[in-house]
Amino acid sequence: MSSDILLDILPESYVHDFIIRLFQNFQKIIELYFKFIKT
């Protein structure tokens, strides 16, 4: 299944929301990762 088909099925707002949440989670993971390194 190509990403083009996936984007056609999913509403654009849903994809946008998903990307934002993914980015926010990624930031949290990075923060925890750096805290872990410093300790």
PDB file of N, CA and C in Angstrom:
ATOM      1  N   MET A   1       0.848  -1.206   0.000  1.00  0.00           N
ATOM      2  CA  MET A   1       0.000   0.000   0.000  1.00  0.00           C
ATOM      3  C   MET A   1       0.881   1.254   0.000  1.00  0.00           C
ATOM      4  N   SER A   2       0.773   2.033  -1.028  1.00  0.00           N
ATOM      5  CA  SER A   2       1.601   3.235  -1.126  1.00  0.00           C
ATOM      6  C   SER A   2       1.034   4.366  -0.277  1.00  0.00           C
ATOM      7  N   SER A   3       1.886   5.287   0.101  1.00  0.00           N
ATOM      8  CA  SER A   3       1.468   6.411   0.943  1.00  0.00           C
ATOM      9  C   SER A   3       0.498   7.338   0.212  1.00  0.00           C
ATOM     10  N   ASP A   4       0.585   7.376  -1.113  1.00  0.00           N
ATOM     11  CA  ASP A   4      -0.332   8.212  -1.910  1.00  0.00           C
ATOM     12  C   ASP A   4      -1.780   7.750  -1.750  1.00  0.00           C
ATOM     13  N   ILE A   5      -1.988   6.450  -1.792  1.00  0.00           N
ATOM     14  CA  ILE A   5      -3.335   5.891  -1.614  1.00  0.00           C
ATOM     15  C   ILE A   5      -3.830   6.189  -0.202  1.00  0.00           C
ATOM     16  N   LEU A   6      -2.945   6.021   0.769  1.00  0.00           N
ATOM     17  CA  LEU A   6      -3.294   6.281   2.170  1.00  0.00           C
ATOM     18  C   LEU A   6      -3.747   7.723   2.366  1.00  0.00           C
ATOM     19  N   LEU A   7      -3.023   8.643   1.768  1.00  0.00           N
ATOM     20  CA  LEU A   7      -3.373  10.061   1.887  1.00  0.00           C
ATOM     21  C   LEU A   7      -4.696  10.381   1.201  1.00  0.00           C
ATOM     22  N   ASP A   8      -5.003   9.648   0.151  1.00  0.00           N
ATOM     23  CA  ASP A   8      -6.285   9.841  -0.548  1.00  0.00           C
ATOM     24  C   ASP A   8      -7.460   9.369   0.305  1.00  0.00           C
ATOM     25  N   ILE A   9      -7.256   8.272   1.025  1.00  0.00           N
ATOM     26  CA  ILE A   9      -8.323   7.716   1.873  1.00  0.00           C
ATOM     27  C   ILE A   9      -8.557   8.606   3.093  1.00  0.00           C
ATOM     28  N   LEU A  10      -7.484   8.953   3.771  1.00  0.00           N
ATOM     29  CA  LEU A  10      -7.607   9.725   5.013  1.00  0.00           C
ATOM     30  C   LEU A  10      -7.899  11.194   4.737  1.00  0.00           C
ATOM     31  N   PRO A  11      -8.750  11.810   5.559  1.00  0.00           N
ATOM     32  CA  PRO A  11      -8.986  13.249   5.425  1.00  0.00           C
ATOM     33  C   PRO A  11      -7.702  14.024   5.743  1.00  0.00           C
ATOM     34  N   GLU A  12      -7.539  15.128   5.091  1.00  0.00           N
ATOM     35  CA  GLU A  12      -6.314  15.911   5.252  1.00  0.00           C
ATOM     36  C   GLU A  12      -6.135  16.400   6.688  1.00  0.00           C
ATOM     37  N   SER A  13      -7.237  16.781   7.324  1.00  0.00           N
ATOM     38  CA  SER A  13      -7.176  17.261   8.705  1.00  0.00           C
ATOM     39  C   SER A  13      -6.690  16.163   9.647  1.00  0.00           C
ATOM     40  N   TYR A  14      -7.102  14.933   9.376  1.00  0.00           N
ATOM     41  CA  TYR A  14      -6.682  13.793  10.196  1.00  0.00           C
ATOM     42  C   TYR A  14      -5.179  13.568  10.071  1.00  0.00           C
ATOM     43  N   VAL A  15      -4.700  13.624   8.845  1.00  0.00           N
ATOM     44  CA  VAL A  15      -3.271  13.448   8.578  1.00  0.00           C
ATOM     45  C   VAL A  15      -2.471  14.553   9.266  1.00  0.00           C
ATOM     46  N   HIS A  16      -2.957  15.774   9.157  1.00  0.00           N
ATOM     47  CA  HIS A  16      -2.301  16.925   9.775  1.00  0.00           C
ATOM     48  C   HIS A  16      -2.229  16.755  11.290  1.00  0.00           C
ATOM     49  N   ASP A  17      -3.345  16.350  11.890  1.00  0.00           N
ATOM     50  CA  ASP A  17      -3.421  16.131  13.338  1.00  0.00           C
ATOM     51  C   ASP A  17      -2.461  15.026  13.769  1.00  0.00           C
ATOM     52  N   PHE A  18      -2.420  13.968  12.987  1.00  0.00           N
ATOM     53  CA  PHE A  18      -1.546  12.834  13.285  1.00  0.00           C
ATOM     54  C   PHE A  18      -0.076  13.253  13.262  1.00  0.00           C
ATOM     55  N   ILE A  19       0.305  14.029  12.271  1.00  0.00           N
ATOM     56  CA  ILE A  19       1.683  14.509  12.134  1.00  0.00           C
ATOM     57  C   ILE A  19       2.061  15.399  13.318  1.00  0.00           C
ATOM     58  N   ILE A  20       1.153  16.270  13.718  1.00  0.00           N
ATOM     59  CA  ILE A  20       1.392  17.150  14.865  1.00  0.00           C
ATOM     60  C   ILE A  20       1.601  16.332  16.143  1.00  0.00           C
ATOM     61  N   ARG A  21       0.733  15.365  16.376  1.00  0.00           N
ATOM     62  CA  ARG A  21       0.855  14.515  17.569  1.00  0.00           C
ATOM     63  C   ARG A  21       2.144  13.715  17.545  1.00  0.00           C
ATOM     64  N   LEU A  22       2.480  13.204  16.392  1.00  0.00           N
ATOM     65  CA  LEU A  22       3.712  12.436  16.229  1.00  0.00           C
ATOM     66  C   LEU A  22       4.926  13.310  16.551  1.00  0.00           C
ATOM     67  N   PHE A  23       4.922  14.531  16.064  1.00  0.00           N
ATOM     68  CA  PHE A  23       6.010  15.471  16.309  1.00  0.00           C
ATOM     69  C   PHE A  23       6.122  15.815  17.790  1.00  0.00           C
ATOM     70  N   GLN A  24       4.971  16.035  18.445  1.00  0.00           N
ATOM     71  CA  GLN A  24       4.954  16.343  19.876  1.00  0.00           C
ATOM     72  C   GLN A  24       5.511  15.179  20.691  1.00  0.00           C
ATOM     73  N   ASN A  25       5.106  13.974  20.346  1.00  0.00           N
ATOM     74  CA  ASN A  25       5.621  12.788  21.033  1.00  0.00           C
ATOM     75  C   ASN A  25       7.117  12.634  20.799  1.00  0.00           C
ATOM     76  N   PHE A  26       7.543  12.930  19.606  1.00  0.00           N
ATOM     77  CA  PHE A  26       8.958  12.856  19.253  1.00  0.00           C
ATOM     78  C   PHE A  26       9.779  13.828  20.102  1.00  0.00           C
ATOM     79  N   GLN A  27       9.261  15.037  20.303  1.00  0.00           N
ATOM     80  CA  GLN A  27       9.929  16.028  21.148  1.00  0.00           C
ATOM     81  C   GLN A  27      10.057  15.531  22.584  1.00  0.00           C
ATOM     82  N   LYS A  28       8.995  14.928  23.112  1.00  0.00           N
ATOM     83  CA  LYS A  28       9.012  14.401  24.480  1.00  0.00           C
ATOM     84  C   LYS A  28      10.040  13.290  24.623  1.00  0.00           C
ATOM     85  N   ILE A  29      10.105  12.418  23.630  1.00  0.00           N
ATOM     86  CA  ILE A  29      11.069  11.315  23.632  1.00  0.00           C
ATOM     87  C   ILE A  29      12.499  11.861  23.629  1.00  0.00           C
ATOM     88  N   ILE A  30      12.751  12.869  22.823  1.00  0.00           N
ATOM     89  CA  ILE A  30      14.071  13.502  22.755  1.00  0.00           C
ATOM     90  C   ILE A  30      14.433  14.134  24.104  1.00  0.00           C
ATOM     91  N   GLU A  31      13.475  14.823  24.726  1.00  0.00           N
ATOM     92  CA  GLU A  31      13.711  15.433  26.040  1.00  0.00           C
ATOM     93  C   GLU A  31      14.085  14.378  27.076  1.00  0.00           C
ATOM     94  N   LEU A  32      13.320  13.305  27.122  1.00  0.00           N
ATOM     95  CA  LEU A  32      13.603  12.212  28.059  1.00  0.00           C
ATOM     96  C   LEU A  32      14.960  11.581  27.772  1.00  0.00           C
ATOM     97  N   TYR A  33      15.274  11.449  26.506  1.00  0.00           N
ATOM     98  CA  TYR A  33      16.540  10.858  26.082  1.00  0.00           C
ATOM     99  C   TYR A  33      17.727  11.686  26.576  1.00  0.00           C
ATOM    100  N   PHE A  34      17.640  12.992  26.427  1.00  0.00           N
ATOM    101  CA  PHE A  34      18.717  13.869  26.880  1.00  0.00           C
ATOM    102  C   PHE A  34      18.815  13.909  28.400  1.00  0.00           C
ATOM    103  N   LYS A  35      17.679  13.863  29.086  1.00  0.00           N
ATOM    104  CA  LYS A  35      17.682  13.799  30.552  1.00  0.00           C
ATOM    105  C   LYS A  35      18.375  12.526  31.018  1.00  0.00           C
ATOM    106  N   PHE A  36      18.103  11.436  30.328  1.00  0.00           N
ATOM    107  CA  PHE A  36      18.690  10.141  30.666  1.00  0.00           C
ATOM    108  C   PHE A  36      20.208  10.167  30.469  1.00  0.00           C
ATOM    109  N   ILE A  37      20.668  10.811  29.424  1.00  0.00           N
ATOM    110  CA  ILE A  37      22.103  10.922  29.124  1.00  0.00           C
ATOM    111  C   ILE A  37      22.809  11.767  30.196  1.00  0.00           C
ATOM    112  N   LYS A  38      22.179  12.852  30.611  1.00  0.00           N
ATOM    113  CA  LYS A  38      22.798  13.775  31.568  1.00  0.00           C
ATOM    114  C   LYS A  38      22.953  13.155  32.955  1.00  0.00           C
ATOM    115  N   THR A  39      22.044  12.271  33.336  1.00  0.00           N
ATOM    116  CA  THR A  39      22.107  11.670  34.677  1.00  0.00           C
ATOM    117  C   THR A  39      23.124  10.539  34.741  1.00  0.00           C
TER     118      THR A  39
END
